[in-house]
Amino acid sequence: MNIILAYFEDMVNIPDGLEKVICDFANELTLRGHRITIVDFDSKQGRPAHPLLETVPVINLQTKPRLKKTRQEKIVRECYRLFGRAAVRSWIAGYKRKHGVSRFSTVVKEIQPDVIVSFETMTSAEICREKIDVPLVSSLQNEPHACCDCLPKSEMQALEKSCVVHVLMESFVNIAHRLIKNPNIVYIPNALPQCGSPAKLDGNKEVYRIINVARLNKKQKRQEILIKAFNNLAKRYPHWIVEIWGGDTSGYKKELQSMIENAHLENQIFLKGVTHHVDEVYAQADIFAFPSKFEGFGLSLGEAMSAGLPAVGFRSCAAVNELIKNGKNGLLAEDGVDSFAQALETLMKNQETRVRMGKAAHESMKAYSPKNVWDQWEVLLQDIVEKAKNTAVNN
């Protein structure tokens, strides 16, 4: 198959989960003999931050990389903000069309793909706007409400026109059916690398580690909750530390660092930045703390659990509350600092519980093995392509 993976956003120097999913997708299907092209809209030149086979081309639609918005454009954008999220997204879409996204139809003519997989609703809308006669799969990489809330009409229509809408959790299928007028909604989870030797949680250690791996983000990832929760426990557990791993694009790091300093926890809580050796981080940890408000899947959570770490998350967080089976492979807390601290302490004070839940976490993530997941994607895409060919012949 000849497949375009479309994501009209930045990918260079962006080490986040969605960008990793796209690169993994491209790598795996390339190794299976398919022709994959990634098309993005990037402010920088170069290859994605995550490992990507050299044989996979990346086409940047932005006509002038490092393009800066003019003062007038910034003023107009701020005016649009007064009218809500849908208005802002409409402005951003227009801005991207002006600066290169409209070239996508030319790229399609050159590549002649059998199918296009879009990883963002605005991207799907721009593909539909160009009236490209290629089957489109729109992948919702977050909880459906988070993806569909206050969308411009063009983006919702693109989801309705897609030949398939893809979601990441089984429970999301019914939610998506309620939100999107499209009968073809399929569930395929993210692929998780399978750790052969889980983290060693038994034995005495000089230092025990609680880790969080995610981009620093106040609205969704909420690392401040972990800091506040650990502050309730730090004096009672002097041999425990917290390591928060992830890049910062919003200035949230300064706020988190200030919280750490005000609590006088500089010797127990550390903002570690980005790592390219996340397996080593998991291997040295004892608990994975994940205080997200919402998730599409929780890639780092799944990776940590596959590495044999018991996890703590919120019962109210979609996806997290499916990966974590409360009391079996981790703990689900009620939303709030105190409840999160109690769940952390349950694991911190009982090594036997950590070991038992860590083993269960490792086993439970085998259902998301890369082979299972990519087999599902391959079957889905082949089915879409075959149906499109049969339709063309019959017409």
Protein backbone atom coordinates (compact mmCIF):
# COMPACT_ATOMS: atom_id res chain seq x y z
CA MET A 1 0.00 0.00 0.00
CA ASN A 2 0.98 3.59 -0.60
CA ILE A 3 0.06 5.55 2.55
CA ILE A 4 0.30 9.21 3.56
CA LEU A 5 0.43 10.00 7.27
CA ALA A 6 -0.82 13.60 7.55
CA TYR A 7 -0.26 15.84 10.54
CA PHE A 8 -0.22 19.55 9.76
CA GLU A 9 1.73 20.51 12.87
CA ASP A 10 5.37 20.67 14.05
CA MET A 11 7.32 17.42 14.39
CA VAL A 12 10.95 18.57 14.44
CA ASN A 13 12.22 18.79 18.03
CA ILE A 14 8.82 17.73 19.40
CA PRO A 15 9.43 14.61 21.53
CA ASP A 16 5.78 14.10 22.53
CA GLY A 17 3.66 10.96 22.40
CA LEU A 18 1.64 11.68 19.25
CA GLU A 19 4.76 12.40 17.23
CA LYS A 20 6.22 9.12 18.48
CA VAL A 21 3.07 7.26 17.40
CA ILE A 22 3.38 8.70 13.88
CA CYS A 23 7.05 7.75 13.60
CA ASP A 24 6.41 4.25 14.97
CA PHE A 25 3.52 3.88 12.51
CA ALA A 26 5.76 4.88 9.61
CA ASN A 27 8.63 2.64 10.69
CA GLU A 28 6.55 -0.48 11.23
CA LEU A 29 4.51 -0.31 8.05
CA THR A 30 7.63 0.50 6.05
CA LEU A 31 9.29 -2.62 7.43
CA ARG A 32 6.19 -4.56 6.37
CA GLY A 33 6.78 -3.50 2.77
CA HIS A 34 4.44 -0.52 2.45
CA ARG A 35 5.37 2.90 1.08
CA ILE A 36 4.90 5.56 3.76
CA THR A 37 5.19 9.34 3.44
CA ILE A 38 4.77 11.76 6.35
CA VAL A 39 3.36 15.19 5.49
CA ASP A 40 3.53 17.88 8.17
CA PHE A 41 3.51 21.66 8.55
CA ASP A 42 6.68 22.44 10.45
CA SER A 43 8.25 25.73 11.47
CA LYS A 44 11.69 24.09 11.34
CA GLN A 45 13.62 22.09 8.79
CA GLY A 46 14.78 18.60 9.65
CA ARG A 47 13.61 15.17 10.71
CA PRO A 48 11.23 14.36 13.59
CA ALA A 49 12.65 14.10 17.09
CA HIS A 50 11.73 10.42 17.39
CA PRO A 51 13.61 7.67 15.52
CA LEU A 52 12.44 7.44 11.92
CA LEU A 53 13.78 5.25 9.12
CA GLU A 54 15.80 7.25 6.59
CA THR A 55 13.75 5.68 3.82
CA VAL A 56 10.60 7.44 5.08
CA PRO A 57 10.27 10.85 3.38
CA VAL A 58 8.94 13.80 5.38
CA ILE A 59 7.35 16.60 3.36
CA ASN A 60 7.01 19.96 5.08
CA LEU A 61 4.16 21.98 3.60
CA GLN A 62 5.22 25.23 5.22
CA THR A 63 6.61 27.42 2.44
CA LYS A 64 8.90 29.41 4.72
CA PRO A 65 10.27 27.43 7.68
CA ARG A 66 10.82 29.53 10.82
CA LEU A 67 8.04 31.78 9.56
CA LYS A 68 7.09 34.38 12.16
CA LYS A 69 3.62 35.82 12.40
CA THR A 70 3.39 39.49 11.56
CA ARG A 71 2.17 41.94 14.17
CA GLN A 72 -1.08 42.31 12.26
CA GLU A 73 -1.57 38.53 12.17
CA LYS A 74 -1.03 38.30 15.92
CA ILE A 75 -3.57 41.05 16.57
CA VAL A 76 -6.15 39.35 14.34
CA ARG A 77 -5.53 36.02 16.07
CA GLU A 78 -6.11 37.59 19.50
CA CYS A 79 -9.36 39.12 18.25
CA TYR A 80 -10.53 35.69 17.13
CA ARG A 81 -9.83 34.36 20.65
CA LEU A 82 -12.71 36.50 21.89
CA PHE A 83 -15.11 34.24 19.98
CA GLY A 84 -13.89 30.92 21.39
CA ARG A 85 -11.98 27.83 20.36
CA ALA A 86 -13.82 27.22 17.07
CA ALA A 87 -13.07 30.73 15.85
CA VAL A 88 -9.37 30.46 16.76
CA ARG A 89 -9.06 27.11 15.01
CA SER A 90 -10.69 28.56 11.90
CA TRP A 91 -8.17 31.40 11.92
CA ILE A 92 -5.25 28.98 12.37
CA ALA A 93 -6.53 26.86 9.47
CA GLY A 94 -6.69 29.94 7.24
CA TYR A 95 -3.18 30.96 8.31
CA LYS A 96 -1.81 27.53 7.45
CA ARG A 97 -3.54 27.49 4.06
CA LYS A 98 -1.98 30.85 3.31
CA HIS A 99 1.47 29.55 4.17
CA GLY A 100 1.54 26.17 2.49
CA VAL A 101 -1.15 23.68 3.55
CA SER A 102 -2.98 24.22 0.25
CA ARG A 103 0.01 22.53 -1.44
CA PHE A 104 -1.18 19.20 -0.03
CA SER A 105 -3.34 18.49 -3.11
CA THR A 106 -0.21 18.80 -5.29
CA VAL A 107 1.66 16.40 -3.01
CA VAL A 108 -1.20 13.90 -3.30
CA LYS A 109 -1.09 14.08 -7.10
CA GLU A 110 2.63 13.34 -7.03
CA ILE A 111 2.49 10.49 -4.50
CA GLN A 112 -0.90 9.03 -5.53
CA PRO A 113 -1.58 7.36 -2.17
CA ASP A 114 -4.05 4.53 -1.71
CA VAL A 115 -5.15 5.90 1.67
CA ILE A 116 -4.47 8.89 3.93
CA VAL A 117 -4.34 8.69 7.73
CA SER A 118 -4.85 12.04 9.45
CA PHE A 119 -3.84 12.47 13.08
CA GLU A 120 -5.64 15.73 13.82
CA THR A 121 -9.12 17.08 13.11
CA MET A 122 -7.88 20.34 11.57
CA THR A 123 -5.69 18.28 9.25
CA SER A 124 -8.71 16.18 8.24
CA ALA A 125 -10.71 19.34 7.54
CA GLU A 126 -8.01 20.76 5.26
CA ILE A 127 -7.80 17.47 3.35
CA CYS A 128 -11.58 17.48 2.84
CA ARG A 129 -11.47 21.14 1.81
CA GLU A 130 -9.16 20.20 -1.05
CA LYS A 131 -11.73 17.57 -2.19
CA ILE A 132 -9.08 14.89 -2.47
CA ASP A 133 -10.54 11.65 -3.79
CA VAL A 134 -8.54 9.30 -1.56
CA PRO A 135 -9.96 7.31 1.38
CA LEU A 136 -9.36 9.24 4.60
CA VAL A 137 -8.94 7.78 8.07
CA SER A 138 -9.25 10.36 10.85
CA SER A 139 -7.46 9.25 14.00
CA LEU A 140 -8.64 10.81 17.26
CA GLN A 141 -5.54 10.82 19.43
CA ASN A 142 -7.36 11.97 22.54
CA GLU A 143 -10.59 11.29 24.37
CA PRO A 144 -13.43 12.06 21.90
CA HIS A 145 -14.92 14.88 23.96
CA ALA A 146 -11.51 16.57 24.15
CA CYS A 147 -11.13 16.22 20.38
CA CYS A 148 -14.63 17.27 19.39
CA ASP A 149 -15.49 20.01 21.89
CA CYS A 150 -16.23 23.35 20.18
CA LEU A 151 -14.85 22.29 16.80
CA PRO A 152 -15.44 24.48 13.75
CA LYS A 153 -18.13 23.08 11.47
CA SER A 154 -15.51 22.18 8.85
CA GLU A 155 -13.65 19.89 11.26
CA MET A 156 -16.76 18.07 12.43
CA GLN A 157 -17.88 17.62 8.83
CA ALA A 158 -14.47 16.16 8.00
CA LEU A 159 -14.94 13.53 10.72
CA GLU A 160 -18.36 12.72 9.31
CA LYS A 161 -16.99 12.39 5.77
CA SER A 162 -14.01 10.22 6.75
CA CYS A 163 -14.31 6.62 5.62
CA VAL A 164 -13.23 5.60 9.15
CA VAL A 165 -12.82 7.43 12.46
CA HIS A 166 -10.25 5.76 14.69
CA VAL A 167 -10.23 5.89 18.51
CA LEU A 168 -7.67 4.64 21.01
CA MET A 169 -9.78 2.96 23.71
CA GLU A 170 -12.68 0.54 23.42
CA SER A 171 -14.88 2.71 25.63
CA PHE A 172 -14.33 5.63 23.25
CA VAL A 173 -16.31 3.92 20.46
CA ASN A 174 -19.72 4.58 22.02
CA ILE A 175 -18.67 8.10 23.02
CA ALA A 176 -17.58 8.87 19.47
CA HIS A 177 -20.84 7.49 18.05
CA ARG A 178 -22.75 9.96 20.21
CA LEU A 179 -20.63 12.88 19.04
CA ILE A 180 -19.93 12.09 15.38
CA LYS A 181 -22.39 11.17 12.64
CA ASN A 182 -20.22 8.46 11.16
CA PRO A 183 -21.12 4.76 11.43
CA ASN A 184 -17.55 3.61 10.82
CA ILE A 185 -15.75 4.10 14.13
CA VAL A 186 -13.02 1.59 14.99
CA TYR A 187 -10.90 0.97 18.05
CA ILE A 188 -7.19 0.21 17.80
CA PRO A 189 -4.97 1.02 20.81
CA ASN A 190 -1.48 2.44 20.70
CA ALA A 191 1.38 -0.01 20.43
CA LEU A 192 3.48 -0.45 23.54
CA PRO A 193 7.06 -1.75 23.47
CA GLN A 194 7.25 -4.90 25.53
CA CYS A 195 9.86 -4.84 28.27
CA GLY A 196 11.63 -8.18 28.56
CA SER A 197 13.01 -7.58 32.06
CA PRO A 198 10.69 -5.54 34.29
CA ALA A 199 11.99 -2.97 36.76
CA LYS A 200 13.48 -4.48 39.92
CA LEU A 201 11.23 -3.39 42.75
CA ASP A 202 12.41 -5.81 45.42
CA GLY A 203 15.50 -5.48 47.59
CA ASN A 204 16.73 -2.56 49.65
CA LYS A 205 17.71 0.70 47.95
CA GLU A 206 19.36 3.88 49.15
CA VAL A 207 16.89 5.90 47.09
CA TYR A 208 13.39 5.02 45.90
CA ARG A 209 11.95 6.86 42.90
CA ILE A 210 8.50 8.09 41.91
CA ILE A 211 8.58 9.21 38.30
CA ASN A 212 6.36 11.06 35.88
CA VAL A 213 7.12 11.07 32.15
CA ALA A 214 5.08 13.55 30.10
CA ARG A 215 5.41 16.99 28.59
CA LEU A 216 5.06 19.70 31.22
CA ASN A 217 1.48 20.85 30.81
CA LYS A 218 -0.78 22.50 33.37
CA LYS A 219 -4.14 21.89 31.72
CA GLN A 220 -3.77 18.19 30.94
CA LYS A 221 -0.73 16.57 32.60
CA ARG A 222 -0.96 18.57 35.87
CA GLN A 223 2.45 17.77 37.35
CA GLU A 224 1.73 20.28 40.13
CA ILE A 225 -0.63 17.73 41.69
CA LEU A 226 2.25 15.28 42.04
CA ILE A 227 4.41 17.96 43.66
CA LYS A 228 1.67 18.94 46.12
CA ALA A 229 0.86 15.33 46.93
CA PHE A 230 4.49 14.43 47.58
CA ASN A 231 4.85 17.53 49.73
CA ASN A 232 2.32 15.89 52.09
CA LEU A 233 4.57 12.82 52.33
CA ALA A 234 8.15 14.00 51.97
CA LYS A 235 9.05 14.34 55.65
CA ARG A 236 7.81 10.85 56.44
CA TYR A 237 9.69 9.32 53.51
CA PRO A 238 13.15 10.92 53.35
CA HIS A 239 14.53 8.11 51.18
CA TRP A 240 12.01 8.78 48.42
CA ILE A 241 12.47 11.24 45.56
CA VAL A 242 10.34 12.41 42.63
CA GLU A 243 11.70 12.76 39.10
CA ILE A 244 9.57 14.63 36.56
CA TRP A 245 10.71 14.00 32.99
CA GLY A 246 9.45 16.01 30.02
CA GLY A 247 9.95 19.09 27.90
CA ASP A 248 8.36 22.47 28.51
CA THR A 249 6.83 24.59 25.75
CA SER A 250 4.52 26.80 27.80
CA GLY A 251 6.58 28.17 30.68
CA TYR A 252 4.99 25.76 33.15
CA LYS A 253 8.44 24.63 34.31
CA LYS A 254 9.05 27.93 36.09
CA GLU A 255 5.84 27.55 38.05
CA LEU A 256 6.70 23.98 39.02
CA GLN A 257 10.24 24.94 40.06
CA SER A 258 8.88 27.76 42.19
CA MET A 259 6.50 25.31 43.91
CA ILE A 260 9.41 22.97 44.64
CA GLU A 261 11.53 25.76 46.08
CA ASN A 262 8.71 27.19 48.19
CA ALA A 263 8.16 23.73 49.69
CA HIS A 264 11.93 23.37 50.27
CA LEU A 265 11.94 20.10 48.35
CA GLU A 266 14.90 20.80 46.04
CA ASN A 267 16.61 17.68 47.38
CA GLN A 268 13.63 15.40 46.78
CA ILE A 269 11.84 16.66 43.66
CA PHE A 270 13.72 17.13 40.39
CA LEU A 271 12.64 18.48 37.00
CA LYS A 272 14.81 16.35 34.74
CA GLY A 273 13.91 17.62 31.26
CA VAL A 274 13.77 15.48 28.12
CA THR A 275 15.37 12.04 27.97
CA HIS A 276 16.22 9.90 24.97
CA HIS A 277 16.78 6.90 27.23
CA VAL A 278 13.35 6.50 28.78
CA ASP A 279 13.83 2.75 29.26
CA GLU A 280 16.62 3.49 31.74
CA VAL A 281 14.34 5.91 33.59
CA TYR A 282 11.65 3.25 33.94
CA ALA A 283 14.21 0.62 35.02
CA GLN A 284 15.43 2.75 37.94
CA ALA A 285 11.96 3.75 39.19
CA ASP A 286 9.61 2.25 41.78
CA ILE A 287 6.28 3.99 41.11
CA PHE A 288 4.83 5.77 38.07
CA ALA A 289 2.67 8.77 39.00
CA PHE A 290 0.30 10.09 36.32
CA PRO A 291 -2.04 12.87 37.51
CA SER A 292 -3.48 13.69 34.05
CA LYS A 293 -6.95 15.18 33.74
CA PHE A 294 -7.66 13.53 30.38
CA GLU A 295 -5.84 11.23 27.95
CA GLY A 296 -6.39 9.57 24.61
CA PHE A 297 -4.33 6.57 25.65
CA GLY A 298 -1.52 7.54 28.02
CA LEU A 299 1.47 6.26 26.08
CA SER A 300 4.09 6.85 28.77
CA LEU A 301 1.76 5.31 31.36
CA GLY A 302 1.46 2.16 29.26
CA GLU A 303 5.21 2.05 28.66
CA ALA A 304 5.93 2.39 32.37
CA MET A 305 3.46 -0.34 33.25
CA SER A 306 4.96 -2.59 30.58
CA ALA A 307 8.30 -1.98 32.28
CA GLY A 308 6.79 -3.39 35.48
CA LEU A 309 5.95 -0.22 37.40
CA PRO A 310 2.81 0.04 39.53
CA ALA A 311 0.98 3.22 38.59
CA VAL A 312 -1.16 5.84 40.28
CA GLY A 313 -3.72 7.82 38.28
CA PHE A 314 -7.17 9.34 38.61
CA ARG A 315 -10.38 7.36 38.40
CA SER A 316 -11.97 10.26 36.51
CA CYS A 317 -9.32 10.29 33.75
CA ALA A 318 -10.43 8.56 30.58
CA ALA A 319 -8.02 5.93 29.22
CA VAL A 320 -6.01 5.99 32.47
CA ASN A 321 -8.96 4.36 34.23
CA GLU A 322 -8.85 1.54 31.68
CA LEU A 323 -5.12 0.88 31.67
CA ILE A 324 -4.93 0.93 35.48
CA LYS A 325 -7.02 -1.81 37.10
CA ASN A 326 -7.50 -0.47 40.61
CA GLY A 327 -5.89 -2.67 43.23
CA LYS A 328 -4.42 -5.05 40.64
CA ASN A 329 -1.75 -3.27 38.56
CA GLY A 330 -1.97 0.12 40.22
CA LEU A 331 -4.24 2.48 42.09
CA LEU A 332 -6.95 4.90 40.95
CA ALA A 333 -7.46 7.91 43.20
CA GLU A 334 -10.37 10.30 43.37
CA ASP A 335 -9.49 13.60 41.74
CA GLY A 336 -7.56 15.77 44.17
CA VAL A 337 -4.20 16.19 45.90
CA ASP A 338 -5.07 14.40 49.15
CA SER A 339 -6.46 11.30 47.44
CA PHE A 340 -3.46 11.15 45.11
CA ALA A 341 -1.11 11.40 48.10
CA GLN A 342 -2.94 8.57 49.86
CA ALA A 343 -2.59 6.33 46.83
CA LEU A 344 1.10 7.13 46.53
CA GLU A 345 1.64 6.37 50.21
CA THR A 346 -0.13 3.02 49.91
CA LEU A 347 2.57 1.96 47.46
CA MET A 348 5.46 3.79 49.11
CA LYS A 349 5.01 2.10 52.47
CA ASN A 350 4.54 -1.44 51.17
CA GLN A 351 7.22 -2.96 48.96
CA GLU A 352 5.34 -6.25 48.65
CA THR A 353 2.36 -4.40 47.16
CA ARG A 354 4.62 -2.58 44.71
CA VAL A 355 6.19 -5.84 43.57
CA ARG A 356 2.84 -7.59 43.16
CA MET A 357 1.21 -4.74 41.24
CA GLY A 358 4.34 -4.17 39.16
CA LYS A 359 4.28 -7.77 37.94
CA ALA A 360 0.57 -7.46 37.15
CA ALA A 361 1.20 -4.21 35.26
CA HIS A 362 3.86 -5.88 33.13
CA GLU A 363 1.54 -8.76 32.26
CA SER A 364 -1.50 -6.57 31.56
CA MET A 365 0.33 -4.50 28.93
CA LYS A 366 1.08 -7.55 26.77
CA ALA A 367 -2.34 -7.03 25.17
CA TYR A 368 -0.90 -3.90 23.53
CA SER A 369 2.12 -5.56 21.92
CA PRO A 370 3.30 -3.86 18.72
CA LYS A 371 2.62 -6.93 16.57
CA ASN A 372 -1.02 -7.09 17.67
CA VAL A 373 -1.56 -3.39 17.12
CA TRP A 374 0.17 -3.07 13.73
CA ASP A 375 -1.55 -6.22 12.48
CA GLN A 376 -4.87 -4.52 13.23
CA TRP A 377 -3.84 -1.35 11.41
CA GLU A 378 -2.61 -3.29 8.40
CA VAL A 379 -5.85 -5.26 8.12
CA LEU A 380 -7.95 -2.09 8.49
CA LEU A 381 -6.05 -0.15 5.83
CA GLN A 382 -5.97 -3.06 3.40
CA ASP A 383 -9.73 -3.46 3.80
CA ILE A 384 -10.27 0.27 3.11
CA VAL A 385 -8.06 0.19 0.01
CA GLU A 386 -9.74 -2.95 -1.37
CA LYS A 387 -13.22 -1.47 -0.87
CA ALA A 388 -12.13 1.74 -2.62
CA LYS A 389 -10.77 -0.23 -5.59
CA ASN A 390 -13.94 -2.31 -5.86
CA THR A 391 -16.09 0.82 -5.74
CA ALA A 392 -14.01 2.42 -8.50
CA VAL A 393 -14.33 -0.68 -10.70
CA ASN A 394 -18.10 -0.90 -10.19
CA ASN A 395 -18.52 2.76 -11.07
